[in-house]
Amino acid sequence: MTSQTSHPGLNMGEKHAGVEERAEIVMFGFWVFLMSDVIIFAMCFGVYATATHALAGGPGPQELFDVNSIIWQTAALLLSSLTCGLASLRLKHAHSDSQSQSRWKLILWIGLTLLLGIMFLGLEMRDFIHMSEQDAVPSRSGWLSAYWALVGLHGLHLVIGVLWGIIVIAHIVHFNLTDMTKMRFMRWSLYWHFLDIIWVAIFSMVFLGGLL
C-alpha cells in the first residue's frame, strides 16, 4: 500500500514522510473515537424520531423554526467545511512556500473556518434564546427535550471544535509546522468535517422533516 492511501484521513504524501509514517495508528485510533461519537448521536437521532409527535399541546417546528436562521447556519457550516479543506490542502502542499508563508496561510484558513463556526454558534444561540422566550424549553414536551438534546449536543461539539482550533493555531504559532502540529491539525480537521456531516443529518431530519 502506498503512502498516498496509508490511512483513512488526510494523506500528506512523500513531502511529509515523517507524518505519514506515524499517522496510520493515530488516525485509526481517532476514527474509533469518532465512531463512538456516532453511536451517541445515533441514539439521539433515534430518540428524536420517536418523539416527533410528542408535543404535549406545546409549540412545534412550524411555530418555532426560523427558516432564514437555519439557512444561514447551514451555509456557514458548509462553507467552514470548504475552508477547512483548503487549510488541509495548504498544509499538504506547504513545501511549495517558505516555512513562514506556509504557516501563516494555514493559520488564515483555520481562522476563517473558526469564524464561520462562531457565526453558526451565534445564530444557534439566538434561536435557543428565542425558543426559551416562547417557553419552548426541554421540560415543555418530549419533542422539545429530544430537540434540545440533539441540536444542543451538536452545538457543544462545535464549541469544543472552535476551542480546539484555537489551540491548534497557538501550537502552529509556537512550534511552527512540526510533525506534532501537523498531526494535531489532521485530527482537528477530521473532527470538524465530522460535525458538518452530523449537521447535514440534523438539517435533513429535524428541520426539513419538521417544516415539511
Protein backbone atom coordinates (compact mmCIF):
# COMPACT_ATOMS: atom_id res chain seq x y z
CA MET A 1 0.00 0.00 0.00
CA THR A 2 1.45 3.37 -0.97
CA SER A 3 1.83 6.32 1.34
CA GLN A 4 -0.88 8.12 -0.62
CA THR A 5 -3.50 5.76 0.82
CA SER A 6 -1.87 4.72 4.06
CA HIS A 7 -4.63 5.74 6.46
CA PRO A 8 -8.26 6.97 6.48
CA GLY A 9 -7.58 10.67 6.85
CA LEU A 10 -5.50 13.42 5.27
CA ASN A 11 -2.66 11.65 3.48
CA MET A 12 0.18 14.14 3.39
CA GLY A 13 2.36 12.47 0.75
CA GLU A 14 6.09 11.94 0.39
CA LYS A 15 6.92 15.57 1.22
CA HIS A 16 5.68 14.90 4.76
CA ALA A 17 7.18 11.45 5.20
CA GLY A 18 7.66 11.80 8.95
CA VAL A 19 3.96 12.46 9.47
CA GLU A 20 2.90 9.70 7.09
CA GLU A 21 4.92 7.12 8.97
CA ARG A 22 3.28 8.00 12.30
CA ALA A 23 -0.23 8.87 11.16
CA GLU A 24 -1.76 5.48 10.44
CA ILE A 25 -2.18 4.26 14.02
CA VAL A 26 -3.06 7.70 15.37
CA MET A 27 -5.68 8.40 12.71
CA PHE A 28 -7.18 4.93 13.06
CA GLY A 29 -7.50 5.50 16.80
CA PHE A 30 -9.15 8.86 16.17
CA TRP A 31 -11.62 7.22 13.79
CA VAL A 32 -12.52 4.79 16.59
CA PHE A 33 -13.23 7.80 18.83
CA LEU A 34 -15.42 9.38 16.13
CA MET A 35 -17.34 6.15 15.66
CA SER A 36 -18.11 6.11 19.38
CA ASP A 37 -19.44 9.64 18.93
CA VAL A 38 -21.54 8.44 16.01
CA ILE A 39 -23.20 5.96 18.36
CA ILE A 40 -24.11 8.76 20.78
CA PHE A 41 -25.58 10.87 18.00
CA ALA A 42 -27.39 7.85 16.58
CA MET A 43 -29.12 7.32 19.92
CA CYS A 44 -30.14 10.99 19.99
CA PHE A 45 -31.50 10.71 16.44
CA GLY A 46 -33.40 7.59 17.45
CA VAL A 47 -34.96 9.30 20.45
CA TYR A 48 -35.86 12.31 18.32
CA ALA A 49 -37.52 10.10 15.71
CA THR A 50 -39.78 8.58 18.36
CA ALA A 51 -40.68 12.00 19.82
CA THR A 52 -41.61 13.93 16.68
CA HIS A 53 -45.31 13.91 17.60
CA ALA A 54 -44.86 14.20 21.37
CA LEU A 55 -45.77 17.89 21.50
CA ALA A 56 -47.96 17.67 24.62
CA GLY A 57 -50.02 20.58 23.35
CA GLY A 58 -46.94 22.80 23.08
CA PRO A 59 -45.38 24.56 20.10
CA GLY A 60 -43.95 22.51 17.25
CA PRO A 61 -41.50 23.02 14.40
CA GLN A 62 -43.83 25.20 12.35
CA GLU A 63 -44.13 27.72 15.18
CA LEU A 64 -40.54 27.66 16.37
CA PHE A 65 -38.15 27.19 13.47
CA ASP A 66 -36.66 30.30 11.86
CA VAL A 67 -36.06 29.28 8.23
CA ASN A 68 -33.69 32.16 7.49
CA SER A 69 -31.56 31.39 10.53
CA ILE A 70 -31.42 27.70 9.64
CA ILE A 71 -30.31 28.52 6.10
CA TRP A 72 -27.59 30.87 7.32
CA GLN A 73 -26.39 28.33 9.88
CA THR A 74 -26.20 25.62 7.25
CA ALA A 75 -24.40 27.90 4.78
CA ALA A 76 -21.87 28.96 7.43
CA LEU A 77 -21.09 25.39 8.46
CA LEU A 78 -20.84 24.04 4.92
CA LEU A 79 -18.59 26.95 3.95
CA SER A 80 -16.46 26.25 7.01
CA SER A 81 -16.01 22.70 5.73
CA LEU A 82 -14.69 24.18 2.47
CA THR A 83 -12.23 26.47 4.25
CA CYS A 84 -11.14 23.57 6.46
CA GLY A 85 -10.49 21.52 3.33
CA LEU A 86 -8.48 24.39 1.84
CA ALA A 87 -6.46 24.51 5.05
CA SER A 88 -5.73 20.79 4.63
CA LEU A 89 -4.56 21.36 1.05
CA ARG A 90 -2.40 24.27 2.19
CA LEU A 91 -0.70 22.03 4.74
CA LYS A 92 -0.26 19.18 2.27
CA HIS A 93 1.42 21.47 -0.27
CA ALA A 94 3.25 23.61 2.29
CA HIS A 95 6.61 22.64 0.78
CA SER A 96 5.85 24.91 -2.20
CA ASP A 97 6.23 28.01 0.02
CA SER A 98 8.66 29.13 2.66
CA GLN A 99 8.08 27.89 6.22
CA SER A 100 6.79 31.29 7.32
CA GLN A 101 4.44 31.70 4.34
CA SER A 102 3.02 28.20 4.75
CA ARG A 103 2.42 28.70 8.45
CA TRP A 104 0.51 31.97 8.09
CA LYS A 105 -1.52 30.80 5.11
CA LEU A 106 -2.55 27.74 7.09
CA ILE A 107 -3.47 29.90 10.09
CA LEU A 108 -5.55 32.13 7.81
CA TRP A 109 -7.67 29.23 6.54
CA ILE A 110 -8.08 27.78 10.03
CA GLY A 111 -9.07 31.23 11.32
CA LEU A 112 -11.72 31.62 8.59
CA THR A 113 -13.06 28.18 9.49
CA LEU A 114 -13.35 29.14 13.14
CA LEU A 115 -15.03 32.47 12.34
CA LEU A 116 -17.69 30.63 10.33
CA GLY A 117 -18.11 28.19 13.20
CA ILE A 118 -18.57 31.07 15.64
CA MET A 119 -21.13 32.62 13.28
CA PHE A 120 -23.03 29.33 13.31
CA LEU A 121 -22.93 29.16 17.10
CA GLY A 122 -24.14 32.75 17.44
CA LEU A 123 -27.16 32.10 15.23
CA GLU A 124 -27.93 28.85 17.01
CA MET A 125 -27.69 30.50 20.42
CA ARG A 126 -30.04 33.24 19.26
CA ASP A 127 -32.55 30.58 18.18
CA PHE A 128 -32.30 28.81 21.53
CA ILE A 129 -32.89 32.10 23.37
CA HIS A 130 -35.88 32.86 21.16
CA MET A 131 -37.34 29.42 21.86
CA SER A 132 -36.84 29.87 25.58
CA GLU A 133 -38.72 33.17 25.44
CA GLN A 134 -41.65 31.26 23.97
CA ASP A 135 -41.50 28.71 26.80
CA ALA A 136 -40.20 26.12 24.32
CA VAL A 137 -37.82 24.62 26.85
CA PRO A 138 -36.87 20.92 27.19
CA SER A 139 -39.35 20.31 30.02
CA ARG A 140 -42.26 21.54 27.88
CA SER A 141 -42.66 18.37 25.79
CA GLY A 142 -40.96 15.16 24.72
CA TRP A 143 -40.24 16.62 21.29
CA LEU A 144 -38.55 19.69 22.75
CA SER A 145 -36.48 17.52 25.08
CA ALA A 146 -35.28 15.46 22.12
CA TYR A 147 -34.68 18.58 20.01
CA TRP A 148 -32.61 20.38 22.65
CA ALA A 149 -30.61 17.22 23.37
CA LEU A 150 -29.74 16.52 19.71
CA VAL A 151 -29.13 20.05 18.45
CA GLY A 152 -27.54 21.11 21.73
CA LEU A 153 -25.16 18.14 21.65
CA HIS A 154 -24.00 19.13 18.20
CA GLY A 155 -23.58 22.73 19.32
CA LEU A 156 -21.50 21.60 22.29
CA HIS A 157 -19.28 19.59 19.96
CA LEU A 158 -18.84 22.65 17.77
CA VAL A 159 -17.82 24.77 20.76
CA ILE A 160 -15.17 22.14 21.50
CA GLY A 161 -14.12 22.25 17.84
CA VAL A 162 -13.68 26.03 17.94
CA LEU A 163 -11.63 25.89 21.14
CA TRP A 164 -9.59 23.03 19.73
CA GLY A 165 -8.96 25.03 16.54
CA ILE A 166 -7.68 27.97 18.59
CA ILE A 167 -5.29 25.61 20.37
CA VAL A 168 -4.12 24.24 17.01
CA ILE A 169 -3.38 27.80 15.81
CA ALA A 170 -1.48 28.50 19.04
CA HIS A 171 0.60 25.37 18.52
CA ILE A 172 1.38 26.30 14.92
CA VAL A 173 2.47 29.79 16.01
CA HIS A 174 4.62 28.46 18.83
CA PHE A 175 6.05 25.25 17.33
CA ASN A 176 5.83 26.00 13.58
CA LEU A 177 4.88 23.20 11.17
CA THR A 178 6.45 20.29 13.01
CA ASP A 179 5.24 16.70 12.70
CA MET A 180 3.46 17.15 16.02
CA THR A 181 1.46 20.20 14.89
CA LYS A 182 0.63 18.57 11.56
CA MET A 183 -0.80 15.52 13.35
CA ARG A 184 -2.86 17.74 15.64
CA PHE A 185 -4.23 19.66 12.70
CA MET A 186 -5.13 16.43 10.88
CA ARG A 187 -7.19 15.20 13.83
CA TRP A 188 -8.90 18.56 14.27
CA SER A 189 -9.82 18.81 10.58
CA LEU A 190 -11.27 15.30 10.60
CA TYR A 191 -13.33 16.22 13.68
CA TRP A 192 -14.59 19.41 12.01
CA HIS A 193 -15.73 17.58 8.86
CA PHE A 194 -17.45 15.02 11.08
CA LEU A 195 -19.50 17.79 12.71
CA ASP A 196 -20.51 19.08 9.27
CA ILE A 197 -21.78 15.63 8.32
CA ILE A 198 -23.78 15.41 11.55
CA TRP A 199 -25.31 18.83 10.83
CA VAL A 200 -26.41 17.71 7.37
CA ALA A 201 -28.24 14.84 9.05
CA ILE A 202 -29.80 17.20 11.61
CA PHE A 203 -30.81 19.65 8.88
CA SER A 204 -32.44 16.89 6.85
CA MET A 205 -34.22 15.07 9.67
CA VAL A 206 -35.03 17.80 12.18
CA PHE A 207 -35.50 20.96 10.18
CA LEU A 208 -36.61 19.79 6.75
CA GLY A 209 -38.62 16.97 8.28
CA GLY A 210 -40.21 19.32 10.79
CA LEU A 211 -41.13 22.00 8.28
CA LEU A 212 -42.34 19.67 5.56
